[in-house]
Amino acid sequence: QVQLVESGGGLVQPGGSLRLSCVASGSIFSFYDVGWYRQVPGKQRELVAVISRSGHTNIVDSAKGRFTISRDNSKNLVYLQMNSLKPEDTAVYYCLVGSYWGQGTQVTVSS
C-alpha cells in the first residue's frame, strides 16, 4: 500500500512563501508524473502543477511565475514552492501520484 504525506502548509501573509512537500512510502515516484492539486470547500479539486517523470513541468496560469514544482526521485519527494501568495491561493493542497492521493495540507493566506 502506497502512502503519500504532504507537509509544509500553514498560515502566511499575502506576498509570503511556503514550500510544500510530498513524500511517498516506497520508490514509486520515478514511475509516475506527479501533480499538486488544491481544493476549497464547495469547489472541485483543481490541478495546480504537474511534473513528468522526465522533469517537464506545467503550472496553471493563475500560478505561473509564482509557483515552482520539482522532484527528487532518489528521496521520493516532490515539492511545490509557492511565492507571492495571494488570499485566493487558500485551499487544501494535495499531491497525486498514479492513483494515490495524500491527505492534504492546509494553506491559508491571510493578513
PDB file of N, CA and C in Angstrom:
ATOM      1  N   GLN A   1       0.840  -1.176   0.000  1.00  0.00           N
ATOM      2  CA  GLN A   1       0.000   0.000   0.000  1.00  0.00           C
ATOM      3  C   GLN A   1       0.886   1.241   0.000  1.00  0.00           C
ATOM      4  N   VAL A   2       0.699   2.094  -1.000  1.00  0.00           N
ATOM      5  CA  VAL A   2       1.469   3.323  -1.088  1.00  0.00           C
ATOM      6  C   VAL A   2       0.817   4.392  -0.225  1.00  0.00           C
ATOM      7  N   GLN A   3       1.636   5.103   0.512  1.00  0.00           N
ATOM      8  CA  GLN A   3       1.133   6.240   1.294  1.00  0.00           C
ATOM      9  C   GLN A   3       1.876   7.497   0.892  1.00  0.00           C
ATOM     10  N   LEU A   4       1.100   8.556   0.740  1.00  0.00           N
ATOM     11  CA  LEU A   4       1.661   9.865   0.443  1.00  0.00           C
ATOM     12  C   LEU A   4       1.379  10.792   1.607  1.00  0.00           C
ATOM     13  N   VAL A   5       2.369  11.577   1.980  1.00  0.00           N
ATOM     14  CA  VAL A   5       2.196  12.517   3.087  1.00  0.00           C
ATOM     15  C   VAL A   5       2.650  13.886   2.633  1.00  0.00           C
ATOM     16  N   GLU A   6       1.704  14.834   2.661  1.00  0.00           N
ATOM     17  CA  GLU A   6       2.035  16.221   2.356  1.00  0.00           C
ATOM     18  C   GLU A   6       2.365  16.972   3.644  1.00  0.00           C
ATOM     19  N   SER A   7       3.214  17.942   3.539  1.00  0.00           N
ATOM     20  CA  SER A   7       3.545  18.797   4.674  1.00  0.00           C
ATOM     21  C   SER A   7       3.978  20.158   4.159  1.00  0.00           C
ATOM     22  N   GLY A   8       4.103  21.107   5.088  1.00  0.00           N
ATOM     23  CA  GLY A   8       4.595  22.423   4.726  1.00  0.00           C
ATOM     24  C   GLY A   8       3.533  23.500   4.661  1.00  0.00           C
ATOM     25  N   GLY A   9       2.292  23.119   4.831  1.00  0.00           N
ATOM     26  CA  GLY A   9       1.234  24.121   4.810  1.00  0.00           C
ATOM     27  C   GLY A   9       1.241  24.960   6.067  1.00  0.00           C
ATOM     28  N   GLY A  10       0.390  25.973   6.073  1.00  0.00           N
ATOM     29  CA  GLY A  10       0.299  26.831   7.241  1.00  0.00           C
ATOM     30  C   GLY A  10      -0.364  28.143   6.902  1.00  0.00           C
ATOM     31  N   LEU A  11      -0.245  29.062   7.844  1.00  0.00           N
ATOM     32  CA  LEU A  11      -0.807  30.406   7.693  1.00  0.00           C
ATOM     33  C   LEU A  11       0.311  31.355   7.277  1.00  0.00           C
ATOM     34  N   VAL A  12       0.069  32.103   6.225  1.00  0.00           N
ATOM     35  CA  VAL A  12       1.083  33.036   5.733  1.00  0.00           C
ATOM     36  C   VAL A  12       0.388  34.311   5.281  1.00  0.00           C
ATOM     37  N   GLN A  13       1.075  35.416   5.390  1.00  0.00           N
ATOM     38  CA  GLN A  13       0.511  36.680   4.944  1.00  0.00           C
ATOM     39  C   GLN A  13       0.594  36.794   3.427  1.00  0.00           C
ATOM     40  N   PRO A  14      -0.282  37.589   2.842  1.00  0.00           N
ATOM     41  CA  PRO A  14      -0.185  37.824   1.389  1.00  0.00           C
ATOM     42  C   PRO A  14       1.211  38.305   1.020  1.00  0.00           C
ATOM     43  N   GLY A  15       1.723  37.749  -0.075  1.00  0.00           N
ATOM     44  CA  GLY A  15       3.075  38.055  -0.501  1.00  0.00           C
ATOM     45  C   GLY A  15       4.123  37.115   0.050  1.00  0.00           C
ATOM     46  N   GLY A  16       3.741  36.295   0.995  1.00  0.00           N
ATOM     47  CA  GLY A  16       4.671  35.364   1.604  1.00  0.00           C
ATOM     48  C   GLY A  16       4.893  34.116   0.767  1.00  0.00           C
ATOM     49  N   SER A  17       5.702  33.208   1.338  1.00  0.00           N
ATOM     50  CA  SER A  17       6.074  31.981   0.631  1.00  0.00           C
ATOM     51  C   SER A  17       5.887  30.763   1.527  1.00  0.00           C
ATOM     52  N   LEU A  18       5.637  29.653   0.886  1.00  0.00           N
ATOM     53  CA  LEU A  18       5.607  28.354   1.542  1.00  0.00           C
ATOM     54  C   LEU A  18       6.186  27.329   0.580  1.00  0.00           C
ATOM     55  N   ARG A  19       6.768  26.285   1.141  1.00  0.00           N
ATOM     56  CA  ARG A  19       7.192  25.162   0.321  1.00  0.00           C
ATOM     57  C   ARG A  19       6.494  23.906   0.826  1.00  0.00           C
ATOM     58  N   LEU A  20       5.700  23.335  -0.027  1.00  0.00           N
ATOM     59  CA  LEU A  20       5.015  22.098   0.300  1.00  0.00           C
ATOM     60  C   LEU A  20       5.869  20.918  -0.136  1.00  0.00           C
ATOM     61  N   SER A  21       5.777  19.852   0.643  1.00  0.00           N
ATOM     62  CA  SER A  21       6.494  18.622   0.319  1.00  0.00           C
ATOM     63  C   SER A  21       5.507  17.464   0.270  1.00  0.00           C
ATOM     64  N   CYS A  22       5.786  16.529  -0.595  1.00  0.00           N
ATOM     65  CA  CYS A  22       5.007  15.299  -0.681  1.00  0.00           C
ATOM     66  C   CYS A  22       6.001  14.148  -0.717  1.00  0.00           C
ATOM     67  N   VAL A  23       5.915  13.280   0.266  1.00  0.00           N
ATOM     68  CA  VAL A  23       6.815  12.134   0.335  1.00  0.00           C
ATOM     69  C   VAL A  23       5.999  10.855   0.228  1.00  0.00           C
ATOM     70  N   ALA A  24       6.547   9.903  -0.487  1.00  0.00           N
ATOM     71  CA  ALA A  24       5.858   8.639  -0.686  1.00  0.00           C
ATOM     72  C   ALA A  24       6.586   7.503   0.026  1.00  0.00           C
ATOM     73  N   SER A  25       5.817   6.561   0.511  1.00  0.00           N
ATOM     74  CA  SER A  25       6.410   5.337   1.034  1.00  0.00           C
ATOM     75  C   SER A  25       6.697   4.433  -0.152  1.00  0.00           C
ATOM     76  N   GLY A  26       7.900   3.947  -0.262  1.00  0.00           N
ATOM     77  CA  GLY A  26       8.237   3.126  -1.403  1.00  0.00           C
ATOM     78  C   GLY A  26       8.746   3.957  -2.564  1.00  0.00           C
ATOM     79  N   SER A  27       9.457   3.341  -3.428  1.00  0.00           N
ATOM     80  CA  SER A  27      10.108   4.035  -4.548  1.00  0.00           C
ATOM     81  C   SER A  27       9.194   4.043  -5.770  1.00  0.00           C
ATOM     82  N   ILE A  28       8.185   4.902  -5.724  1.00  0.00           N
ATOM     83  CA  ILE A  28       7.227   4.924  -6.821  1.00  0.00           C
ATOM     84  C   ILE A  28       7.329   6.154  -7.683  1.00  0.00           C
ATOM     85  N   PHE A  29       7.942   7.212  -7.148  1.00  0.00           N
ATOM     86  CA  PHE A  29       7.909   8.483  -7.870  1.00  0.00           C
ATOM     87  C   PHE A  29       8.479   8.368  -9.273  1.00  0.00           C
ATOM     88  N   SER A  30       9.534   7.599  -9.407  1.00  0.00           N
ATOM     89  CA  SER A  30      10.226   7.556 -10.698  1.00  0.00           C
ATOM     90  C   SER A  30       9.356   6.962 -11.802  1.00  0.00           C
ATOM     91  N   PHE A  31       8.258   6.320 -11.431  1.00  0.00           N
ATOM     92  CA  PHE A  31       7.407   5.670 -12.420  1.00  0.00           C
ATOM     93  C   PHE A  31       6.244   6.537 -12.880  1.00  0.00           C
ATOM     94  N   TYR A  32       6.007   7.668 -12.208  1.00  0.00           N
ATOM     95  CA  TYR A  32       4.794   8.438 -12.460  1.00  0.00           C
ATOM     96  C   TYR A  32       5.068   9.925 -12.634  1.00  0.00           C
ATOM     97  N   ASP A  33       4.174  10.561 -13.396  1.00  0.00           N
ATOM     98  CA  ASP A  33       4.047  12.006 -13.275  1.00  0.00           C
ATOM     99  C   ASP A  33       3.460  12.290 -11.897  1.00  0.00           C
ATOM    100  N   VAL A  34       3.736  13.467 -11.366  1.00  0.00           N
ATOM    101  CA  VAL A  34       3.217  13.839 -10.054  1.00  0.00           C
ATOM    102  C   VAL A  34       2.525  15.191 -10.165  1.00  0.00           C
ATOM    103  N   GLY A  35       1.358  15.286  -9.563  1.00  0.00           N
ATOM    104  CA  GLY A  35       0.617  16.534  -9.609  1.00  0.00           C
ATOM    105  C   GLY A  35       0.317  17.078  -8.240  1.00  0.00           C
ATOM    106  N   TRP A  36       0.265  18.389  -8.159  1.00  0.00           N
ATOM    107  CA  TRP A  36      -0.254  19.077  -6.974  1.00  0.00           C
ATOM    108  C   TRP A  36      -1.624  19.649  -7.342  1.00  0.00           C
ATOM    109  N   TYR A  37      -2.580  19.410  -6.475  1.00  0.00           N
ATOM    110  CA  TYR A  37      -3.945  19.895  -6.653  1.00  0.00           C
ATOM    111  C   TYR A  37      -4.327  20.700  -5.416  1.00  0.00           C
ATOM    112  N   ARG A  38      -5.370  21.470  -5.558  1.00  0.00           N
ATOM    113  CA  ARG A  38      -5.912  22.179  -4.405  1.00  0.00           C
ATOM    114  C   ARG A  38      -7.438  22.191  -4.472  1.00  0.00           C
ATOM    115  N   GLN A  39      -8.008  22.324  -3.276  1.00  0.00           N
ATOM    116  CA  GLN A  39      -9.464  22.303  -3.188  1.00  0.00           C
ATOM    117  C   GLN A  39      -9.923  23.228  -2.073  1.00  0.00           C
ATOM    118  N   VAL A  40     -10.960  24.005  -2.387  1.00  0.00           N
ATOM    119  CA  VAL A  40     -11.614  24.818  -1.376  1.00  0.00           C
ATOM    120  C   VAL A  40     -13.008  24.254  -1.164  1.00  0.00           C
ATOM    121  N   PRO A  41     -13.575  24.472   0.009  1.00  0.00           N
ATOM    122  CA  PRO A  41     -14.911  23.914   0.283  1.00  0.00           C
ATOM    123  C   PRO A  41     -15.929  24.351  -0.764  1.00  0.00           C
ATOM    124  N   GLY A  42     -16.684  23.378  -1.238  1.00  0.00           N
ATOM    125  CA  GLY A  42     -17.736  23.672  -2.195  1.00  0.00           C
ATOM    126  C   GLY A  42     -17.292  23.721  -3.638  1.00  0.00           C
ATOM    127  N   LYS A  43     -16.002  23.525  -3.872  1.00  0.00           N
ATOM    128  CA  LYS A  43     -15.488  23.568  -5.235  1.00  0.00           C
ATOM    129  C   LYS A  43     -14.766  22.269  -5.564  1.00  0.00           C
ATOM    130  N   GLN A  44     -14.624  22.025  -6.857  1.00  0.00           N
ATOM    131  CA  GLN A  44     -13.904  20.825  -7.284  1.00  0.00           C
ATOM    132  C   GLN A  44     -12.409  20.980  -7.070  1.00  0.00           C
ATOM    133  N   ARG A  45     -11.782  19.864  -6.874  1.00  0.00           N
ATOM    134  CA  ARG A  45     -10.324  19.864  -6.766  1.00  0.00           C
ATOM    135  C   ARG A  45      -9.736  20.263  -8.116  1.00  0.00           C
ATOM    136  N   GLU A  46      -8.764  21.152  -8.088  1.00  0.00           N
ATOM    137  CA  GLU A  46      -8.180  21.629  -9.344  1.00  0.00           C
ATOM    138  C   GLU A  46      -6.678  21.390  -9.373  1.00  0.00           C
ATOM    139  N   LEU A  47      -6.195  21.136 -10.587  1.00  0.00           N
ATOM    140  CA  LEU A  47      -4.775  20.936 -10.780  1.00  0.00           C
ATOM    141  C   LEU A  47      -4.044  22.263 -10.682  1.00  0.00           C
ATOM    142  N   VAL A  48      -2.941  22.257  -9.956  1.00  0.00           N
ATOM    143  CA  VAL A  48      -2.119  23.454  -9.803  1.00  0.00           C
ATOM    144  C   VAL A  48      -0.827  23.320 -10.599  1.00  0.00           C
ATOM    145  N   ALA A  49      -0.193  22.161 -10.480  1.00  0.00           N
ATOM    146  CA  ALA A  49       1.100  21.967 -11.133  1.00  0.00           C
ATOM    147  C   ALA A  49       1.322  20.483 -11.333  1.00  0.00           C
ATOM    148  N   VAL A  50       2.072  20.152 -12.377  1.00  0.00           N
ATOM    149  CA  VAL A  50       2.399  18.758 -12.634  1.00  0.00           C
ATOM    150  C   VAL A  50       3.838  18.682 -13.114  1.00  0.00           C
ATOM    151  N   ILE A  51       4.491  17.601 -12.735  1.00  0.00           N
ATOM    152  CA  ILE A  51       5.853  17.362 -13.193  1.00  0.00           C
ATOM    153  C   ILE A  51       5.915  15.943 -13.732  1.00  0.00           C
ATOM    154  N   SER A  52       6.449  15.799 -14.938  1.00  0.00           N
ATOM    155  CA  SER A  52       6.522  14.487 -15.559  1.00  0.00           C
ATOM    156  C   SER A  52       7.704  13.696 -15.011  1.00  0.00           C
ATOM    157  N   ARG A  53       7.763  12.443 -15.412  1.00  0.00           N
ATOM    158  CA  ARG A  53       8.872  11.589 -14.976  1.00  0.00           C
ATOM    159  C   ARG A  53      10.213  12.147 -15.447  1.00  0.00           C
ATOM    160  N   SER A  54      10.188  12.813 -16.580  1.00  0.00           N
ATOM    161  CA  SER A  54      11.426  13.370 -17.125  1.00  0.00           C
ATOM    162  C   SER A  54      11.740  14.757 -16.596  1.00  0.00           C
ATOM    163  N   GLY A  55      10.823  15.300 -15.790  1.00  0.00           N
ATOM    164  CA  GLY A  55      11.074  16.599 -15.186  1.00  0.00           C
ATOM    165  C   GLY A  55      10.402  17.769 -15.878  1.00  0.00           C
ATOM    166  N   HIS A  56       9.648  17.495 -16.940  1.00  0.00           N
ATOM    167  CA  HIS A  56       8.913  18.563 -17.596  1.00  0.00           C
ATOM    168  C   HIS A  56       7.782  19.037 -16.673  1.00  0.00           C
ATOM    169  N   THR A  57       7.635  20.363 -16.579  1.00  0.00           N
ATOM    170  CA  THR A  57       6.649  20.902 -15.649  1.00  0.00           C
ATOM    171  C   THR A  57       5.582  21.723 -16.374  1.00  0.00           C
ATOM    172  N   ASN A  58       4.444  21.794 -15.717  1.00  0.00           N
ATOM    173  CA  ASN A  58       3.360  22.622 -16.216  1.00  0.00           C
ATOM    174  C   ASN A  58       2.644  23.217 -15.009  1.00  0.00           C
ATOM    175  N   ILE A  59       2.436  24.517 -15.057  1.00  0.00           N
ATOM    176  CA  ILE A  59       1.833  25.252 -13.947  1.00  0.00           C
ATOM    177  C   ILE A  59       0.551  25.911 -14.453  1.00  0.00           C
ATOM    178  N   VAL A  60      -0.481  25.886 -13.631  1.00  0.00           N
ATOM    179  CA  VAL A  60      -1.732  26.531 -14.013  1.00  0.00           C
ATOM    180  C   VAL A  60      -1.497  28.032 -14.177  1.00  0.00           C
ATOM    181  N   ASP A  61      -2.228  28.648 -15.106  1.00  0.00           N
ATOM    182  CA  ASP A  61      -1.981  30.054 -15.445  1.00  0.00           C
ATOM    183  C   ASP A  61      -2.012  30.969 -14.221  1.00  0.00           C
ATOM    184  N   SER A  62      -2.919  30.708 -13.297  1.00  0.00           N
ATOM    185  CA  SER A  62      -3.056  31.595 -12.130  1.00  0.00           C
ATOM    186  C   SER A  62      -1.847  31.539 -11.205  1.00  0.00           C
ATOM    187  N   ALA A  63      -1.008  30.533 -11.379  1.00  0.00           N
ATOM    188  CA  ALA A  63       0.161  30.369 -10.503  1.00  0.00           C
ATOM    189  C   ALA A  63       1.487  30.514 -11.256  1.00  0.00           C
ATOM    190  N   LYS A  64       1.428  30.715 -12.550  1.00  0.00           N
ATOM    191  CA  LYS A  64       2.667  30.845 -13.316  1.00  0.00           C
ATOM    192  C   LYS A  64       3.455  32.058 -12.844  1.00  0.00           C
ATOM    193  N   GLY A  65       4.751  31.861 -12.736  1.00  0.00           N
ATOM    194  CA  GLY A  65       5.615  32.922 -12.263  1.00  0.00           C
ATOM    195  C   GLY A  65       5.703  33.011 -10.754  1.00  0.00           C
ATOM    196  N   ARG A  66       4.823  32.278 -10.060  1.00  0.00           N
ATOM    197  CA  ARG A  66       4.827  32.287  -8.597  1.00  0.00           C
ATOM    198  C   ARG A  66       5.128  30.917  -7.996  1.00  0.00           C
ATOM    199  N   PHE A  67       4.637  29.864  -8.639  1.00  0.00           N
ATOM    200  CA  PHE A  67       4.804  28.501  -8.111  1.00  0.00           C
ATOM    201  C   PHE A  67       5.812  27.743  -8.966  1.00  0.00           C
ATOM    202  N   THR A  68       6.561  26.875  -8.300  1.00  0.00           N
ATOM    203  CA  THR A  68       7.505  26.003  -8.984  1.00  0.00           C
ATOM    204  C   THR A  68       7.353  24.603  -8.425  1.00  0.00           C
ATOM    205  N   ILE A  69       7.308  23.629  -9.306  1.00  0.00           N
ATOM    206  CA  ILE A  69       7.237  22.230  -8.876  1.00  0.00           C
ATOM    207  C   ILE A  69       8.553  21.558  -9.222  1.00  0.00           C
ATOM    208  N   SER A  70       9.032  20.720  -8.315  1.00  0.00           N
ATOM    209  CA  SER A  70      10.277  19.997  -8.548  1.00  0.00           C
ATOM    210  C   SER A  70      10.180  18.636  -7.880  1.00  0.00           C
ATOM    211  N   ARG A  71      11.100  17.763  -8.243  1.00  0.00           N
ATOM    212  CA  ARG A  71      11.054  16.418  -7.688  1.00  0.00           C
ATOM    213  C   ARG A  71      12.464  15.902  -7.430  1.00  0.00           C
ATOM    214  N   ASP A  72      12.541  14.996  -6.460  1.00  0.00           N
ATOM    215  CA  ASP A  72      13.779  14.287  -6.152  1.00  0.00           C
ATOM    216  C   ASP A  72      13.407  12.816  -6.041  1.00  0.00           C
ATOM    217  N   ASN A  73      13.549  12.109  -7.132  1.00  0.00           N
ATOM    218  CA  ASN A  73      13.130  10.707  -7.145  1.00  0.00           C
ATOM    219  C   ASN A  73      13.931   9.852  -6.167  1.00  0.00           C
ATOM    220  N   SER A  74      15.185  10.205  -5.930  1.00  0.00           N
ATOM    221  CA  SER A  74      16.016   9.419  -5.020  1.00  0.00           C
ATOM    222  C   SER A  74      15.501   9.478  -3.595  1.00  0.00           C
ATOM    223  N   LYS A  75      14.763  10.550  -3.288  1.00  0.00           N
ATOM    224  CA  LYS A  75      14.212  10.721  -1.933  1.00  0.00           C
ATOM    225  C   LYS A  75      12.695  10.533  -1.914  1.00  0.00           C
ATOM    226  N   ASN A  76      12.113  10.170  -3.049  1.00  0.00           N
ATOM    227  CA  ASN A  76      10.653  10.018  -3.149  1.00  0.00           C
ATOM    228  C   ASN A  76       9.929  11.283  -2.709  1.00  0.00           C
ATOM    229  N   LEU A  77      10.453  12.419  -3.123  1.00  0.00           N
ATOM    230  CA  LEU A  77       9.912  13.711  -2.720  1.00  0.00           C
ATOM    231  C   LEU A  77       9.540  14.561  -3.926  1.00  0.00           C
ATOM    232  N   VAL A  78       8.432  15.266  -3.787  1.00  0.00           N
ATOM    233  CA  VAL A  78       8.042  16.290  -4.739  1.00  0.00           C
ATOM    234  C   VAL A  78       7.738  17.553  -3.950  1.00  0.00           C
ATOM    235  N   TYR A  79       8.174  18.686  -4.485  1.00  0.00           N
ATOM    236  CA  TYR A  79       7.997  19.959  -3.801  1.00  0.00           C
ATOM    237  C   TYR A  79       7.120  20.894  -4.633  1.00  0.00           C
ATOM    238  N   LEU A  80       6.436  21.750  -3.924  1.00  0.00           N
ATOM    239  CA  LEU A  80       5.744  22.864  -4.566  1.00  0.00           C
ATOM    240  C   LEU A  80       6.179  24.130  -3.836  1.00  0.00           C
ATOM    241  N   GLN A  81       7.027  24.899  -4.498  1.00  0.00           N
ATOM    242  CA  GLN A  81       7.461  26.174  -3.943  1.00  0.00           C
ATOM    243  C   GLN A  81       6.464  27.232  -4.363  1.00  0.00           C
ATOM    244  N   MET A  82       5.878  27.899  -3.380  1.00  0.00           N
ATOM    245  CA  MET A  82       4.846  28.893  -3.646  1.00  0.00           C
ATOM    246  C   MET A  82       5.320  30.251  -3.131  1.00  0.00           C
ATOM    247  N   ASN A  83       5.478  31.178  -4.035  1.00  0.00           N
ATOM    248  CA  ASN A  83       5.900  32.537  -3.698  1.00  0.00           C
ATOM    249  C   ASN A  83       4.795  33.525  -4.032  1.00  0.00           C
ATOM    250  N   SER A  84       4.924  34.712  -3.496  1.00  0.00           N
ATOM    251  CA  SER A  84       3.951  35.786  -3.762  1.00  0.00           C
ATOM    252  C   SER A  84       2.520  35.285  -3.574  1.00  0.00           C
ATOM    253  N   LEU A  85       2.303  34.640  -2.466  1.00  0.00           N
ATOM    254  CA  LEU A  85       0.998  34.027  -2.224  1.00  0.00           C
ATOM    255  C   LEU A  85      -0.104  35.071  -2.096  1.00  0.00           C
ATOM    256  N   LYS A  86      -1.281  34.669  -2.556  1.00  0.00           N
ATOM    257  CA  LYS A  86      -2.457  35.529  -2.547  1.00  0.00           C
ATOM    258  C   LYS A  86      -3.566  34.866  -1.735  1.00  0.00           C
ATOM    259  N   PRO A  87      -4.498  35.650  -1.226  1.00  0.00           N
ATOM    260  CA  PRO A  87      -5.606  35.040  -0.474  1.00  0.00           C
ATOM    261  C   PRO A  87      -6.349  33.970  -1.281  1.00  0.00           C
ATOM    262  N   GLU A  88      -6.434  34.142  -2.578  1.00  0.00           N
ATOM    263  CA  GLU A  88      -7.137  33.156  -3.395  1.00  0.00           C
ATOM    264  C   GLU A  88      -6.375  31.838  -3.560  1.00  0.00           C
ATOM    265  N   ASP A  89      -5.147  31.792  -3.055  1.00  0.00           N
ATOM    266  CA  ASP A  89      -4.405  30.524  -3.032  1.00  0.00           C
ATOM    267  C   ASP A  89      -4.792  29.674  -1.817  1.00  0.00           C
ATOM    268  N   THR A  90      -5.582  30.214  -0.936  1.00  0.00           N
ATOM    269  CA  THR A  90      -6.027  29.475   0.237  1.00  0.00           C
ATOM    270  C   THR A  90      -6.809  28.239  -0.178  1.00  0.00           C
ATOM    271  N   ALA A  91      -6.380  27.085   0.305  1.00  0.00           N
ATOM    272  CA  ALA A  91      -7.003  25.813  -0.058  1.00  0.00           C
ATOM    273  C   ALA A  91      -6.298  24.697   0.694  1.00  0.00           C
ATOM    274  N   VAL A  92      -6.846  23.511   0.578  1.00  0.00           N
ATOM    275  CA  VAL A  92      -6.125  22.312   0.983  1.00  0.00           C
ATOM    276  C   VAL A  92      -5.401  21.799  -0.263  1.00  0.00           C
ATOM    277  N   TYR A  93      -4.117  21.566  -0.116  1.00  0.00           N
ATOM    278  CA  TYR A  93      -3.280  21.134  -1.230  1.00  0.00           C
ATOM    279  C   TYR A  93      -2.978  19.642  -1.102  1.00  0.00           C
ATOM    280  N   TYR A  94      -3.132  18.947  -2.218  1.00  0.00           N
ATOM    281  CA  TYR A  94      -2.935  17.507  -2.261  1.00  0.00           C
ATOM    282  C   TYR A  94      -1.930  17.144  -3.347  1.00  0.00           C
ATOM    283  N   CYS A  95      -1.206  16.071  -3.128  1.00  0.00           N
ATOM    284  CA  CYS A  95      -0.394  15.540  -4.219  1.00  0.00           C
ATOM    285  C   CYS A  95      -1.022  14.237  -4.717  1.00  0.00           C
ATOM    286  N   LEU A  96      -0.809  13.993  -5.994  1.00  0.00           N
ATOM    287  CA  LEU A  96      -1.337  12.807  -6.658  1.00  0.00           C
ATOM    288  C   LEU A  96      -0.187  12.108  -7.384  1.00  0.00           C
ATOM    289  N   VAL A  97      -0.017  10.838  -7.072  1.00  0.00           N
ATOM    290  CA  VAL A  97       0.995  10.016  -7.729  1.00  0.00           C
ATOM    291  C   VAL A  97       0.303   8.747  -8.217  1.00  0.00           C
ATOM    292  N   GLY A  98       0.244   8.607  -9.529  1.00  0.00           N
ATOM    293  CA  GLY A  98      -0.527   7.491 -10.064  1.00  0.00           C
ATOM    294  C   GLY A  98      -1.976   7.659  -9.671  1.00  0.00           C
ATOM    295  N   SER A  99      -2.528   6.703  -8.927  1.00  0.00           N
ATOM    296  CA  SER A  99      -3.898   6.805  -8.435  1.00  0.00           C
ATOM    297  C   SER A  99      -3.946   7.077  -6.941  1.00  0.00           C
ATOM    298  N   TYR A 100      -2.824   7.463  -6.373  1.00  0.00           N
ATOM    299  CA  TYR A 100      -2.734   7.657  -4.928  1.00  0.00           C
ATOM    300  C   TYR A 100      -2.770   9.139  -4.566  1.00  0.00           C
ATOM    301  N   TRP A 101      -3.620   9.450  -3.567  1.00  0.00           N
ATOM    302  CA  TRP A 101      -3.728  10.799  -3.027  1.00  0.00           C
ATOM    303  C   TRP A 101      -3.169  10.839  -1.614  1.00  0.00           C
ATOM    304  N   GLY A 102      -2.574  11.996  -1.287  1.00  0.00           N
ATOM    305  CA  GLY A 102      -2.224  12.217   0.094  1.00  0.00           C
ATOM    306  C   GLY A 102      -3.426  12.747   0.866  1.00  0.00           C
ATOM    307  N   GLN A 103      -3.202  13.062   2.137  1.00  0.00           N
ATOM    308  CA  GLN A 103      -4.293  13.509   2.997  1.00  0.00           C
ATOM    309  C   GLN A 103      -4.509  15.005   2.905  1.00  0.00           C
ATOM    310  N   GLY A 104      -3.562  15.710   2.300  1.00  0.00           N
ATOM    311  CA  GLY A 104      -3.692  17.141   2.110  1.00  0.00           C
ATOM    312  C   GLY A 104      -3.032  17.946   3.209  1.00  0.00           C
ATOM    313  N   THR A 105      -2.677  19.172   2.859  1.00  0.00           N
ATOM    314  CA  THR A 105      -2.120  20.116   3.817  1.00  0.00           C
ATOM    315  C   THR A 105      -2.765  21.474   3.582  1.00  0.00           C
ATOM    316  N   GLN A 106      -3.192  22.106   4.667  1.00  0.00           N
ATOM    317  CA  GLN A 106      -3.932  23.354   4.560  1.00  0.00           C
ATOM    318  C   GLN A 106      -2.983  24.520   4.347  1.00  0.00           C
ATOM    319  N   VAL A 107      -3.311  25.340   3.363  1.00  0.00           N
ATOM    320  CA  VAL A 107      -2.600  26.596   3.129  1.00  0.00           C
ATOM    321  C   VAL A 107      -3.611  27.722   3.292  1.00  0.00           C
ATOM    322  N   THR A 108      -3.291  28.648   4.174  1.00  0.00           N
ATOM    323  CA  THR A 108      -4.154  29.797   4.408  1.00  0.00           C
ATOM    324  C   THR A 108      -3.344  31.069   4.214  1.00  0.00           C
ATOM    325  N   VAL A 109      -3.809  31.903   3.313  1.00  0.00           N
ATOM    326  CA  VAL A 109      -3.124  33.160   3.029  1.00  0.00           C
ATOM    327  C   VAL A 109      -4.036  34.287   3.506  1.00  0.00           C
ATOM    328  N   SER A 110      -3.602  34.932   4.563  1.00  0.00           N
ATOM    329  CA  SER A 110      -4.453  35.946   5.168  1.00  0.00           C
ATOM    330  C   SER A 110      -3.607  36.907   5.988  1.00  0.00           C
ATOM    331  N   SER A 111      -4.058  38.141   6.028  1.00  0.00           N
ATOM    332  CA  SER A 111      -3.386  39.111   6.876  1.00  0.00           C
ATOM    333  C   SER A 111      -4.069  39.194   8.234  1.00  0.00           C
TER     334      SER A 111
END
